[in-house]
C-alpha atoms as a PDB file:
ATOM      1  CA  UNK A   1      31.764  48.792  60.315  1.00  0.00           C
ATOM      2  CA  UNK A   2      32.598  48.511  63.968  1.00  0.00           C
ATOM      3  CA  UNK A   3      32.238  52.054  65.914  1.00  0.00           C
ATOM      4  CA  UNK A   4      35.385  53.153  67.406  1.00  0.00           C
ATOM      5  CA  UNK A   5      35.436  51.917  71.786  1.00  0.00           C
ATOM      6  CA  UNK A   6      32.850  54.770  73.987  1.00  0.00           C
ATOM      7  CA  UNK A   7      36.718  55.610  75.137  1.00  0.00           C
ATOM      8  CA  UNK A   8      36.817  57.964  72.756  1.00  0.00           C
ATOM      9  CA  UNK A   9      34.167  60.083  74.550  1.00  0.00           C
ATOM     10  CA  UNK A  10      34.429  61.348  77.616  1.00  0.00           C
ATOM     11  CA  UNK A  11      33.622  59.457  80.922  1.00  0.00           C
ATOM     12  CA  UNK A  12      32.026  62.755  82.471  1.00  0.00           C
ATOM     13  CA  UNK A  13      29.731  62.841  79.375  1.00  0.00           C
ATOM     14  CA  UNK A  14      27.223  60.473  80.942  1.00  0.00           C
ATOM     15  CA  UNK A  15      23.410  62.312  79.977  1.00  0.00           C
ATOM     16  CA  UNK A  16      22.010  63.508  76.752  1.00  0.00           C
ATOM     17  CA  UNK A  17      22.070  67.218  78.145  1.00  0.00           C
ATOM     18  CA  UNK A  18      26.134  65.794  78.657  1.00  0.00           C
ATOM     19  CA  UNK A  19      26.595  65.159  74.497  1.00  0.00           C
ATOM     20  CA  UNK A  20      24.314  68.388  73.866  1.00  0.00           C
ATOM     21  CA  UNK A  21      27.366  70.701  75.638  1.00  0.00           C
ATOM     22  CA  UNK A  22      30.077  68.928  74.617  1.00  0.00           C
ATOM     23  CA  UNK A  23      28.122  69.784  70.692  1.00  0.00           C
ATOM     24  CA  UNK A  24      27.962  73.034  71.733  1.00  0.00           C
ATOM     25  CA  UNK A  25      32.499  73.071  71.709  1.00  0.00           C
ATOM     26  CA  UNK A  26      32.705  70.979  67.940  1.00  0.00           C
ATOM     27  CA  UNK A  27      30.076  72.765  66.147  1.00  0.00           C
ATOM     28  CA  UNK A  28      29.824  75.714  63.929  1.00  0.00           C
ATOM     29  CA  UNK A  29      28.444  78.914  65.399  1.00  0.00           C
ATOM     30  CA  UNK A  30      25.378  79.861  62.760  1.00  0.00           C
ATOM     31  CA  UNK A  31      25.087  75.406  62.163  1.00  0.00           C
ATOM     32  CA  UNK A  32      24.924  75.583  65.440  1.00  0.00           C
ATOM     33  CA  UNK A  33      21.873  78.079  65.963  1.00  0.00           C
ATOM     34  CA  UNK A  34      20.181  76.128  63.068  1.00  0.00           C
ATOM     35  CA  UNK A  35      19.677  72.449  65.081  1.00  0.00           C
ATOM     36  CA  UNK A  36      18.512  74.487  68.554  1.00  0.00           C
ATOM     37  CA  UNK A  37      16.443  77.487  67.411  1.00  0.00           C
ATOM     38  CA  UNK A  38      13.171  77.323  67.871  1.00  0.00           C
ATOM     39  CA  UNK A  39      10.129  79.588  66.185  1.00  0.00           C
ATOM     40  CA  UNK A  40      10.041  82.980  67.255  1.00  0.00           C
ATOM     41  CA  UNK A  41      10.503  83.291  70.956  1.00  0.00           C
ATOM     42  CA  UNK A  42      11.088  79.651  71.588  1.00  0.00           C
ATOM     43  CA  UNK A  43       8.544  79.976  73.793  1.00  0.00           C
ATOM     44  CA  UNK A  44       7.178  76.588  73.120  1.00  0.00           C
ATOM     45  CA  UNK A  45      10.263  75.235  72.126  1.00  0.00           C
ATOM     46  CA  UNK A  46      10.910  75.821  75.013  1.00  0.00           C
ATOM     47  CA  UNK A  47       7.867  73.761  77.143  1.00  0.00           C
ATOM     48  CA  UNK A  48       8.341  71.009  74.916  1.00  0.00           C
ATOM     49  CA  UNK A  49      10.436  70.447  78.499  1.00  0.00           C
ATOM     50  CA  UNK A  50       9.412  71.858  81.342  1.00  0.00           C
ATOM     51  CA  UNK A  51       6.353  69.533  80.452  1.00  0.00           C
ATOM     52  CA  UNK A  52       7.974  67.303  81.223  1.00  0.00           C
ATOM     53  CA  UNK A  53       9.163  68.478  84.419  1.00  0.00           C
ATOM     54  CA  UNK A  54       6.050  68.109  85.068  1.00  0.00           C
ATOM     55  CA  UNK A  55       5.260  65.504  85.759  1.00  0.00           C
ATOM     56  CA  UNK A  56       5.526  62.820  88.370  1.00  0.00           C
ATOM     57  CA  UNK A  57       6.244  59.264  88.029  1.00  0.00           C
ATOM     58  CA  UNK A  58       4.898  57.046  90.946  1.00  0.00           C
ATOM     59  CA  UNK A  59       6.917  54.185  92.048  1.00  0.00           C
ATOM     60  CA  UNK A  60       5.990  51.031  93.155  1.00  0.00           C
ATOM     61  CA  UNK A  61       7.737  48.564  95.055  1.00  0.00           C
ATOM     62  CA  UNK A  62       7.971  44.727  95.207  1.00  0.00           C
ATOM     63  CA  UNK A  63       6.527  43.898  92.175  1.00  0.00           C
ATOM     64  CA  UNK A  64       7.542  40.561  89.995  1.00  0.00           C
ATOM     65  CA  UNK A  65      10.047  41.675  87.178  1.00  0.00           C
ATOM     66  CA  UNK A  66      10.495  38.113  86.196  1.00  0.00           C
ATOM     67  CA  UNK A  67      10.259  38.687  82.268  1.00  0.00           C
ATOM     68  CA  UNK A  68      11.409  41.818  81.273  1.00  0.00           C
ATOM     69  CA  UNK A  69      11.543  43.714  77.629  1.00  0.00           C
ATOM     70  CA  UNK A  70      10.614  46.714  76.236  1.00  0.00           C
ATOM     71  CA  UNK A  71       9.518  44.540  72.850  1.00  0.00           C
ATOM     72  CA  UNK A  72       6.859  46.286  70.845  1.00  0.00           C
ATOM     73  CA  UNK A  73       4.821  45.413  67.432  1.00  0.00           C
ATOM     74  CA  UNK A  74       4.115  48.661  64.729  1.00  0.00           C
ATOM     75  CA  UNK A  75       1.868  48.183  61.315  1.00  0.00           C
ATOM     76  CA  UNK A  76       3.831  43.962  61.584  1.00  0.00           C
ATOM     77  CA  UNK A  77       7.479  44.830  63.186  1.00  0.00           C
ATOM     78  CA  UNK A  78       8.807  43.879  65.569  1.00  0.00           C
ATOM     79  CA  UNK A  79      10.707  46.466  67.539  1.00  0.00           C
ATOM     80  CA  UNK A  80      12.888  45.737  70.254  1.00  0.00           C
ATOM     81  CA  UNK A  81      12.054  48.755  72.296  1.00  0.00           C
ATOM     82  CA  UNK A  82      10.322  52.290  71.898  1.00  0.00           C
ATOM     83  CA  UNK A  83      12.276  54.786  71.289  1.00  0.00           C
ATOM     84  CA  UNK A  84      12.805  56.502  67.621  1.00  0.00           C
ATOM     85  CA  UNK A  85      14.899  58.097  65.866  1.00  0.00           C
ATOM     86  CA  UNK A  86      13.174  61.014  64.387  1.00  0.00           C
ATOM     87  CA  UNK A  87      13.671  62.954  61.013  1.00  0.00           C
ATOM     88  CA  UNK A  88      16.351  65.771  61.695  1.00  0.00           C
ATOM     89  CA  UNK A  89      18.157  67.816  57.609  1.00  0.00           C
ATOM     90  CA  UNK A  90      21.909  67.653  55.998  1.00  0.00           C
ATOM     91  CA  UNK A  91      23.581  66.128  59.324  1.00  0.00           C
ATOM     92  CA  UNK A  92      26.771  66.444  56.979  1.00  0.00           C
ATOM     93  CA  UNK A  93      26.152  69.675  59.194  1.00  0.00           C
ATOM     94  CA  UNK A  94      27.420  67.570  61.993  1.00  0.00           C
ATOM     95  CA  UNK A  95      29.400  65.151  61.149  1.00  0.00           C
ATOM     96  CA  UNK A  96      30.876  64.364  57.300  1.00  0.00           C
ATOM     97  CA  UNK A  97      29.730  60.649  57.444  1.00  0.00           C
ATOM     98  CA  UNK A  98      27.010  62.539  57.859  1.00  0.00           C
ATOM     99  CA  UNK A  99      23.568  60.083  57.639  1.00  0.00           C
ATOM    100  CA  UNK A 100      25.961  56.971  57.091  1.00  0.00           C
ATOM    101  CA  UNK A 101      27.102  57.274  60.562  1.00  0.00           C
ATOM    102  CA  UNK A 102      23.927  57.723  62.278  1.00  0.00           C
ATOM    103  CA  UNK A 103      22.737  54.843  60.473  1.00  0.00           C
ATOM    104  CA  UNK A 104      25.369  52.880  61.956  1.00  0.00           C
ATOM    105  CA  UNK A 105      25.056  54.693  65.349  1.00  0.00           C
ATOM    106  CA  UNK A 106      20.767  53.590  65.286  1.00  0.00           C
ATOM    107  CA  UNK A 107      21.972  49.922  63.432  1.00  0.00           C
ATOM    108  CA  UNK A 108      24.056  49.678  66.956  1.00  0.00           C
ATOM    109  CA  UNK A 109      21.013  50.399  69.027  1.00  0.00           C
ATOM    110  CA  UNK A 110      17.827  48.414  66.843  1.00  0.00           C
ATOM    111  CA  UNK A 111      16.980  51.384  66.596  1.00  0.00           C
ATOM    112  CA  UNK A 112      14.388  52.422  63.781  1.00  0.00           C
ATOM    113  CA  UNK A 113      15.944  55.651  61.700  1.00  0.00           C
ATOM    114  CA  UNK A 114      13.730  57.703  60.081  1.00  0.00           C
ATOM    115  CA  UNK A 115      15.012  59.362  57.266  1.00  0.00           C
ATOM    116  CA  UNK A 116      14.881  62.400  56.249  1.00  0.00           C
ATOM    117  CA  UNK A 117      13.202  64.297  53.074  1.00  0.00           C
ATOM    118  CA  UNK A 118      16.052  66.627  53.867  1.00  0.00           C
ATOM    119  CA  UNK A 119      19.242  63.900  54.022  1.00  0.00           C
ATOM    120  CA  UNK A 120      22.934  64.618  51.903  1.00  0.00           C
ATOM    121  CA  UNK A 121      22.835  61.018  51.773  1.00  0.00           C
ATOM    122  CA  UNK A 122      21.331  58.896  48.935  1.00  0.00           C
ATOM    123  CA  UNK A 123      18.492  57.218  50.765  1.00  0.00           C
ATOM    124  CA  UNK A 124      19.384  53.938  49.201  1.00  0.00           C
ATOM    125  CA  UNK A 125      22.891  54.585  50.321  1.00  0.00           C
ATOM    126  CA  UNK A 126      21.268  54.701  53.893  1.00  0.00           C
ATOM    127  CA  UNK A 127      18.512  52.155  53.814  1.00  0.00           C
ATOM    128  CA  UNK A 128      21.208  49.619  51.983  1.00  0.00           C
ATOM    129  CA  UNK A 129      23.458  50.061  55.845  1.00  0.00           C
ATOM    130  CA  UNK A 130      20.652  49.975  58.197  1.00  0.00           C
ATOM    131  CA  UNK A 131      20.116  46.908  60.171  1.00  0.00           C
ATOM    132  CA  UNK A 132      16.863  47.790  61.280  1.00  0.00           C
ATOM    133  CA  UNK A 133      14.339  48.823  57.966  1.00  0.00           C
ATOM    134  CA  UNK A 134      14.489  52.341  58.515  1.00  0.00           C
ATOM    135  CA  UNK A 135      11.472  54.263  57.371  1.00  0.00           C
ATOM    136  CA  UNK A 136      11.634  57.186  55.125  1.00  0.00           C
ATOM    137  CA  UNK A 137      10.361  61.939  55.566  1.00  0.00           C
ATOM    138  CA  UNK A 138       8.624  62.650  53.524  1.00  0.00           C
ATOM    139  CA  UNK A 139       7.456  66.006  52.605  1.00  0.00           C
ATOM    140  CA  UNK A 140       4.546  66.338  49.707  1.00  0.00           C
ATOM    141  CA  UNK A 141       6.155  68.641  46.869  1.00  0.00           C
ATOM    142  CA  UNK A 142       4.786  71.485  44.458  1.00  0.00           C
ATOM    143  CA  UNK A 143       5.733  68.339  42.355  1.00  0.00           C
ATOM    144  CA  UNK A 144       3.698  65.985  42.545  1.00  0.00           C
ATOM    145  CA  UNK A 145       5.514  64.338  39.585  1.00  0.00           C
ATOM    146  CA  UNK A 146       8.835  63.733  41.219  1.00  0.00           C
ATOM    147  CA  UNK A 147       6.844  63.081  45.345  1.00  0.00           C
ATOM    148  CA  UNK A 148       5.371  59.976  42.837  1.00  0.00           C
ATOM    149  CA  UNK A 149       9.164  59.010  42.321  1.00  0.00           C
ATOM    150  CA  UNK A 150      10.533  59.643  45.185  1.00  0.00           C
ATOM    151  CA  UNK A 151       7.426  57.148  46.675  1.00  0.00           C
ATOM    152  CA  UNK A 152       8.868  54.318  44.375  1.00  0.00           C
ATOM    153  CA  UNK A 153      11.926  55.379  45.471  1.00  0.00           C
ATOM    154  CA  UNK A 154      11.526  54.645  49.083  1.00  0.00           C
ATOM    155  CA  UNK A 155       9.832  51.603  48.390  1.00  0.00           C
ATOM    156  CA  UNK A 156      12.273  50.277  45.653  1.00  0.00           C
ATOM    157  CA  UNK A 157      14.939  50.348  48.533  1.00  0.00           C
ATOM    158  CA  UNK A 158      13.369  48.621  50.870  1.00  0.00           C
ATOM    159  CA  UNK A 159      12.002  51.351  53.882  1.00  0.00           C
ATOM    160  CA  UNK A 160       9.143  50.087  56.647  1.00  0.00           C
ATOM    161  CA  UNK A 161       7.287  53.339  56.322  1.00  0.00           C
ATOM    162  CA  UNK A 162       6.319  56.264  55.198  1.00  0.00           C
ATOM    163  CA  UNK A 163       6.572  59.220  58.003  1.00  0.00           C
ATOM    164  CA  UNK A 164       4.182  62.713  56.099  1.00  0.00           C
ATOM    165  CA  UNK A 165       5.406  65.646  57.941  1.00  0.00           C
ATOM    166  CA  UNK A 166       2.014  67.594  57.315  1.00  0.00           C
ATOM    167  CA  UNK A 167       2.687  70.191  59.892  1.00  0.00           C
ATOM    168  CA  UNK A 168       5.338  72.380  57.837  1.00  0.00           C
ATOM    169  CA  UNK A 169       4.264  73.213  55.065  1.00  0.00           C
ATOM    170  CA  UNK A 170       6.027  76.062  54.919  1.00  0.00           C
ATOM    171  CA  UNK A 171       8.912  77.331  56.890  1.00  0.00           C
ATOM    172  CA  UNK A 172       8.430  78.308  60.308  1.00  0.00           C
ATOM    173  CA  UNK A 173      10.073  81.892  60.926  1.00  0.00           C
ATOM    174  CA  UNK A 174      13.207  81.269  63.366  1.00  0.00           C
ATOM    175  CA  UNK A 175      14.718  83.655  63.735  1.00  0.00           C
ATOM    176  CA  UNK A 176      17.817  82.334  66.191  1.00  0.00           C
ATOM    177  CA  UNK A 177      18.266  80.906  62.797  1.00  0.00           C
ATOM    178  CA  UNK A 178      18.208  84.716  60.779  1.00  0.00           C
ATOM    179  CA  UNK A 179      20.049  86.191  63.057  1.00  0.00           C
ATOM    180  CA  UNK A 180      23.005  84.034  62.572  1.00  0.00           C
ATOM    181  CA  UNK A 181      22.860  83.992  58.711  1.00  0.00           C
ATOM    182  CA  UNK A 182      22.066  80.838  58.702  1.00  0.00           C
ATOM    183  CA  UNK A 183      23.618  79.411  55.168  1.00  0.00           C
ATOM    184  CA  UNK A 184      24.082  74.984  54.130  1.00  0.00           C
ATOM    185  CA  UNK A 185      27.426  75.629  52.916  1.00  0.00           C
ATOM    186  CA  UNK A 186      28.521  74.003  49.790  1.00  0.00           C
ATOM    187  CA  UNK A 187      28.677  70.560  49.002  1.00  0.00           C
ATOM    188  CA  UNK A 188      25.900  69.728  51.626  1.00  0.00           C
ATOM    189  CA  UNK A 189      22.200  70.087  50.318  1.00  0.00           C
ATOM    190  CA  UNK A 190      19.182  67.460  49.256  1.00  0.00           C
ATOM    191  CA  UNK A 191      20.982  64.582  47.515  1.00  0.00           C
ATOM    192  CA  UNK A 192      16.938  63.003  47.305  1.00  0.00           C
ATOM    193  CA  UNK A 193      16.294  65.589  46.186  1.00  0.00           C
ATOM    194  CA  UNK A 194      17.794  66.645  43.083  1.00  0.00           C
ATOM    195  CA  UNK A 195      15.681  66.736  39.114  1.00  0.00           C
ATOM    196  CA  UNK A 196      12.937  68.780  40.816  1.00  0.00           C
ATOM    197  CA  UNK A 197      11.068  71.361  40.068  1.00  0.00           C
ATOM    198  CA  UNK A 198      11.723  74.550  42.402  1.00  0.00           C
ATOM    199  CA  UNK A 199       8.648  77.370  42.431  1.00  0.00           C
ATOM    200  CA  UNK A 200       9.345  80.623  41.481  1.00  0.00           C
ATOM    201  CA  UNK A 201      10.520  82.709  45.026  1.00  0.00           C
ATOM    202  CA  UNK A 202       8.547  84.775  46.240  1.00  0.00           C
ATOM    203  CA  UNK A 203       7.352  87.638  48.627  1.00  0.00           C
ATOM    204  CA  UNK A 204       4.917  86.915  50.916  1.00  0.00           C
ATOM    205  CA  UNK A 205       3.117  84.125  51.957  1.00  0.00           C
ATOM    206  CA  UNK A 206      -0.422  84.741  51.339  1.00  0.00           C
ATOM    207  CA  UNK A 207      -1.440  83.639  47.190  1.00  0.00           C
ATOM    208  CA  UNK A 208       2.387  82.236  46.947  1.00  0.00           C
ATOM    209  CA  UNK A 209       3.027  79.126  44.572  1.00  0.00           C
ATOM    210  CA  UNK A 210       3.812  77.459  48.446  1.00  0.00           C
ATOM    211  CA  UNK A 211       1.151  77.786  49.858  1.00  0.00           C
ATOM    212  CA  UNK A 212      -1.421  77.006  46.731  1.00  0.00           C
ATOM    213  CA  UNK A 213       0.408  73.834  46.329  1.00  0.00           C
ATOM    214  CA  UNK A 214       0.095  73.096  49.736  1.00  0.00           C
ATOM    215  CA  UNK A 215      -1.144  69.449  50.264  1.00  0.00           C
ATOM    216  CA  UNK A 216      -5.127  68.430  51.904  1.00  0.00           C
ATOM    217  CA  UNK A 217      -6.498  65.833  53.155  1.00  0.00           C
ATOM    218  CA  UNK A 218      -7.194  65.530  49.451  1.00  0.00           C
ATOM    219  CA  UNK A 219      -3.516  64.743  48.976  1.00  0.00           C
ATOM    220  CA  UNK A 220      -3.235  62.954  51.483  1.00  0.00           C
ATOM    221  CA  UNK A 221      -5.119  59.882  49.631  1.00  0.00           C
ATOM    222  CA  UNK A 222      -3.713  60.590  46.477  1.00  0.00           C
ATOM    223  CA  UNK A 223      -0.237  59.976  47.817  1.00  0.00           C
ATOM    224  CA  UNK A 224      -1.298  56.949  50.133  1.00  0.00           C
ATOM    225  CA  UNK A 225      -3.117  55.511  46.705  1.00  0.00           C
ATOM    226  CA  UNK A 226       0.502  55.150  45.809  1.00  0.00           C
ATOM    227  CA  UNK A 227       2.071  52.987  48.095  1.00  0.00           C
ATOM    228  CA  UNK A 228       1.361  50.422  50.037  1.00  0.00           C
ATOM    229  CA  UNK A 229       3.087  51.293  52.820  1.00  0.00           C
ATOM    230  CA  UNK A 230       1.894  52.276  55.843  1.00  0.00           C
ATOM    231  CA  UNK A 231       1.043  55.960  55.959  1.00  0.00           C
ATOM    232  CA  UNK A 232       1.927  57.589  59.160  1.00  0.00           C
ATOM    233  CA  UNK A 233       0.480  61.171  59.854  1.00  0.00           C
ATOM    234  CA  UNK A 234       3.418  63.222  61.701  1.00  0.00           C
ATOM    235  CA  UNK A 235       3.200  66.623  63.125  1.00  0.00           C
ATOM    236  CA  UNK A 236      -0.935  66.581  64.102  1.00  0.00           C
ATOM    237  CA  UNK A 237      -1.532  67.993  67.589  1.00  0.00           C
ATOM    238  CA  UNK A 238      -5.583  69.109  67.265  1.00  0.00           C
ATOM    239  CA  UNK A 239      -7.875  65.544  68.718  1.00  0.00           C
ATOM    240  CA  UNK A 240     -10.179  66.433  65.449  1.00  0.00           C
ATOM    241  CA  UNK A 241      -7.334  66.013  62.895  1.00  0.00           C
ATOM    242  CA  UNK A 242      -6.317  63.280  65.178  1.00  0.00           C
ATOM    243  CA  UNK A 243      -9.801  62.258  64.174  1.00  0.00           C
ATOM    244  CA  UNK A 244     -10.050  62.708  60.569  1.00  0.00           C
ATOM    245  CA  UNK A 245      -6.545  60.843  60.256  1.00  0.00           C
ATOM    246  CA  UNK A 246      -8.320  58.046  61.753  1.00  0.00           C
ATOM    247  CA  UNK A 247     -11.172  57.908  59.436  1.00  0.00           C
ATOM    248  CA  UNK A 248      -9.154  58.666  56.761  1.00  0.00           C
ATOM    249  CA  UNK A 249      -6.934  54.589  56.885  1.00  0.00           C
ATOM    250  CA  UNK A 250      -4.164  56.660  57.933  1.00  0.00           C
ATOM    251  CA  UNK A 251      -1.659  54.074  59.665  1.00  0.00           C
ATOM    252  CA  UNK A 252      -0.574  55.992  62.073  1.00  0.00           C
ATOM    253  CA  UNK A 253       0.456  59.454  63.711  1.00  0.00           C
ATOM    254  CA  UNK A 254       3.295  61.012  65.273  1.00  0.00           C
ATOM    255  CA  UNK A 255       1.939  63.599  68.318  1.00  0.00           C
ATOM    256  CA  UNK A 256       4.507  66.383  67.363  1.00  0.00           C
ATOM    257  CA  UNK A 257       5.387  69.773  66.998  1.00  0.00           C
ATOM    258  CA  UNK A 258       8.312  69.980  64.653  1.00  0.00           C
ATOM    259  CA  UNK A 259      10.196  70.730  67.831  1.00  0.00           C
ATOM    260  CA  UNK A 260       8.730  74.083  68.468  1.00  0.00           C
ATOM    261  CA  UNK A 261       9.575  75.611  65.245  1.00  0.00           C
ATOM    262  CA  UNK A 262       7.260  75.983  62.960  1.00  0.00           C
ATOM    263  CA  UNK A 263       4.559  77.700  65.270  1.00  0.00           C
ATOM    264  CA  UNK A 264       5.064  79.371  68.323  1.00  0.00           C
ATOM    265  CA  UNK A 265       3.559  78.768  71.721  1.00  0.00           C
ATOM    266  CA  UNK A 266       1.695  75.727  70.687  1.00  0.00           C
ATOM    267  CA  UNK A 267       1.234  73.564  72.992  1.00  0.00           C
ATOM    268  CA  UNK A 268       4.232  70.318  74.307  1.00  0.00           C
ATOM    269  CA  UNK A 269       3.288  67.836  72.399  1.00  0.00           C
ATOM    270  CA  UNK A 270       3.619  65.995  75.604  1.00  0.00           C
ATOM    271  CA  UNK A 271       0.236  68.021  76.770  1.00  0.00           C
ATOM    272  CA  UNK A 272      -1.410  67.514  73.859  1.00  0.00           C
ATOM    273  CA  UNK A 273      -0.853  63.744  73.514  1.00  0.00           C
ATOM    274  CA  UNK A 274      -3.641  62.322  75.752  1.00  0.00           C
ATOM    275  CA  UNK A 275      -6.937  64.328  73.775  1.00  0.00           C
ATOM    276  CA  UNK A 276      -4.518  62.640  71.255  1.00  0.00           C
ATOM    277  CA  UNK A 277      -5.302  59.375  72.207  1.00  0.00           C
ATOM    278  CA  UNK A 278      -8.348  59.208  74.012  1.00  0.00           C
ATOM    279  CA  UNK A 279      -9.994  60.462  70.529  1.00  0.00           C
ATOM    280  CA  UNK A 280      -8.457  57.647  69.004  1.00  0.00           C
ATOM    281  CA  UNK A 281      -9.308  55.781  71.209  1.00  0.00           C
ATOM    282  CA  UNK A 282      -6.547  52.888  70.371  1.00  0.00           C
ATOM    283  CA  UNK A 283      -7.675  52.479  66.417  1.00  0.00           C
ATOM    284  CA  UNK A 284      -4.574  53.173  65.399  1.00  0.00           C
ATOM    285  CA  UNK A 285      -0.160  53.328  66.675  1.00  0.00           C
ATOM    286  CA  UNK A 286       0.628  56.739  68.400  1.00  0.00           C
ATOM    287  CA  UNK A 287       4.247  58.007  68.709  1.00  0.00           C
ATOM    288  CA  UNK A 288       5.341  61.286  69.636  1.00  0.00           C
ATOM    289  CA  UNK A 289       8.450  63.729  69.538  1.00  0.00           C
ATOM    290  CA  UNK A 290       9.366  67.271  70.946  1.00  0.00           C
ATOM    291  CA  UNK A 291      11.234  67.393  73.996  1.00  0.00           C
ATOM    292  CA  UNK A 292      12.610  63.952  75.619  1.00  0.00           C
ATOM    293  CA  UNK A 293      16.095  63.674  77.732  1.00  0.00           C
ATOM    294  CA  UNK A 294      15.625  60.524  78.990  1.00  0.00           C
ATOM    295  CA  UNK A 295      13.960  57.583  80.136  1.00  0.00           C
ATOM    296  CA  UNK A 296      11.497  58.866  82.186  1.00  0.00           C
ATOM    297  CA  UNK A 297      10.423  61.737  79.778  1.00  0.00           C
ATOM    298  CA  UNK A 298       9.763  57.836  77.473  1.00  0.00           C
ATOM    299  CA  UNK A 299       7.683  55.811  80.566  1.00  0.00           C
ATOM    300  CA  UNK A 300       6.074  59.429  80.425  1.00  0.00           C
ATOM    301  CA  UNK A 301       4.980  59.374  76.943  1.00  0.00           C
ATOM    302  CA  UNK A 302       4.228  55.445  76.915  1.00  0.00           C
ATOM    303  CA  UNK A 303       2.437  56.918  79.809  1.00  0.00           C
ATOM    304  CA  UNK A 304       0.334  58.778  78.917  1.00  0.00           C
ATOM    305  CA  UNK A 305      -0.669  56.654  74.677  1.00  0.00           C
ATOM    306  CA  UNK A 306       1.862  57.014  73.027  1.00  0.00           C
ATOM    307  CA  UNK A 307       3.910  53.097  71.610  1.00  0.00           C
ATOM    308  CA  UNK A 308       7.024  54.382  70.850  1.00  0.00           C
ATOM    309  CA  UNK A 309       8.425  58.363  70.719  1.00  0.00           C
ATOM    310  CA  UNK A 310      10.687  59.440  68.267  1.00  0.00           C
ATOM    311  CA  UNK A 311      14.000  62.344  69.279  1.00  0.00           C
ATOM    312  CA  UNK A 312      15.545  64.370  67.359  1.00  0.00           C
ATOM    313  CA  UNK A 313      18.163  67.283  68.634  1.00  0.00           C
ATOM    314  CA  UNK A 314      19.819  64.650  71.204  1.00  0.00           C
ATOM    315  CA  UNK A 315      20.167  62.378  68.529  1.00  0.00           C
ATOM    316  CA  UNK A 316      22.256  64.966  66.590  1.00  0.00           C
ATOM    317  CA  UNK A 317      24.513  66.613  69.867  1.00  0.00           C
ATOM    318  CA  UNK A 318      25.809  62.303  69.734  1.00  0.00           C
ATOM    319  CA  UNK A 319      26.772  62.568  65.778  1.00  0.00           C
ATOM    320  CA  UNK A 320      27.991  65.825  66.353  1.00  0.00           C
ATOM    321  CA  UNK A 321      30.363  64.813  69.705  1.00  0.00           C
ATOM    322  CA  UNK A 322      31.313  61.427  68.470  1.00  0.00           C
ATOM    323  CA  UNK A 323      30.659  59.842  65.697  1.00  0.00           C
ATOM    324  CA  UNK A 324      28.310  57.213  65.401  1.00  0.00           C
ATOM    325  CA  UNK A 325      29.857  55.794  69.005  1.00  0.00           C
ATOM    326  CA  UNK A 326      28.598  58.774  70.216  1.00  0.00           C
ATOM    327  CA  UNK A 327      24.470  58.506  68.668  1.00  0.00           C
ATOM    328  CA  UNK A 328      24.656  54.767  69.436  1.00  0.00           C
ATOM    329  CA  UNK A 329      25.273  56.168  73.407  1.00  0.00           C
ATOM    330  CA  UNK A 330      22.661  58.121  73.255  1.00  0.00           C
ATOM    331  CA  UNK A 331      20.268  55.642  72.526  1.00  0.00           C
ATOM    332  CA  UNK A 332      21.980  53.533  74.923  1.00  0.00           C
ATOM    333  CA  UNK A 333      21.155  55.741  77.809  1.00  0.00           C
ATOM    334  CA  UNK A 334      18.269  56.282  77.097  1.00  0.00           C
ATOM    335  CA  UNK A 335      17.269  53.218  76.538  1.00  0.00           C
ATOM    336  CA  UNK A 336      19.072  51.886  79.984  1.00  0.00           C
ATOM    337  CA  UNK A 337      17.395  55.481  81.730  1.00  0.00           C
ATOM    338  CA  UNK A 338      13.915  54.141  80.563  1.00  0.00           C
ATOM    339  CA  UNK A 339      15.061  50.358  81.683  1.00  0.00           C
ATOM    340  CA  UNK A 340      15.296  51.743  84.959  1.00  0.00           C
ATOM    341  CA  UNK A 341      12.097  53.529  85.535  1.00  0.00           C
ATOM    342  CA  UNK A 342       9.915  51.017  84.283  1.00  0.00           C
ATOM    343  CA  UNK A 343      11.526  48.750  87.302  1.00  0.00           C
ATOM    344  CA  UNK A 344      11.006  51.560  90.440  1.00  0.00           C
ATOM    345  CA  UNK A 345       7.257  52.407  89.184  1.00  0.00           C
ATOM    346  CA  UNK A 346       7.237  48.361  88.668  1.00  0.00           C
ATOM    347  CA  UNK A 347       6.287  47.739  85.076  1.00  0.00           C
ATOM    348  CA  UNK A 348       8.417  44.636  83.565  1.00  0.00           C
ATOM    349  CA  UNK A 349       6.417  44.966  80.254  1.00  0.00           C
ATOM    350  CA  UNK A 350       5.317  47.813  77.580  1.00  0.00           C
ATOM    351  CA  UNK A 351       2.156  47.152  77.237  1.00  0.00           C
ATOM    352  CA  UNK A 352       1.747  47.060  81.879  1.00  0.00           C
ATOM    353  CA  UNK A 353       2.832  50.464  81.190  1.00  0.00           C
ATOM    354  CA  UNK A 354      -0.416  52.936  82.336  1.00  0.00           C
ATOM    355  CA  UNK A 355      -1.513  56.275  83.363  1.00  0.00           C
ATOM    356  CA  UNK A 356      -1.528  55.170  86.756  1.00  0.00           C
ATOM    357  CA  UNK A 357       2.484  55.605  86.576  1.00  0.00           C
ATOM    358  CA  UNK A 358       2.075  59.441  86.636  1.00  0.00           C
ATOM    359  CA  UNK A 359       1.926  60.822  89.589  1.00  0.00           C
ATOM    360  CA  UNK A 360      -1.474  62.471  89.805  1.00  0.00           C
ATOM    361  CA  UNK A 361      -2.991  62.254  86.517  1.00  0.00           C
END
């Protein structure tokens, strides 16, 4: 299905912040609180942006830029650029086509989409529509048998990797969302979890079935035994956890604080990225997410040790504003900005990006 023309987007929409403002006009109040809110006082949510703003780039002049490109290899596959779509839930909250539109927009821009466990469209339908084999984000469910069957479905549908989110054994307290009384509207659900045995409702936190069945390193070893797909851990902020993950043989790590949505007052992902890069010392590829709004942010992440980045909320802003066309345009803006930033810092390829891109690293 072809994309609608860019003329459907107001000409003054030229940045990711512009898309956020346009999306705000088109999303219902409680759904906006769900999308935009973070845990607690949202200090980490804000720090994800501020930490990028503190970093400055060092421009270089008169460098040879012939053959410039953004190609990279990850987990045995080639990708056109290092801007991936992060897993986010319930896209139908923001556009009637939901993940159908997201995968179309991502495919136009040759971007790898990571499909959420809580997608509102069957995982098989999404993968069939993707031109770049997608990744699948998994929460290890209390129903381990259901989890194993879900992994089989993911493999059979042709997904290229399994991204296991490990930083949210329970939901963070997102006060903005609570104040808005957010509830999923009728007709929107995590369709890929249909048939799963659910835990009984519980009061409190400690001693509840949710925590008693929360996954451990042992459970992740069991999960890896189920699949031949690369298993990537998402939600690592501590260098020691990164060392353990590399030693355990995980294929990759996503440095992430869950978009500031689980535990408030933890560091920005970009702030701890250099420490984690030092801890794993190139043993496994690193990705990061959280706060990326410009191509210069992408370059900063690559300079500090990331092999690629994931972008979450801005993709949903594009989706809410203009469907698949908005998703594609958001990704195009980021890729164009990245290429400009690489050229003006004298870095023709991703392999030429290192810490000297950062002024006074």
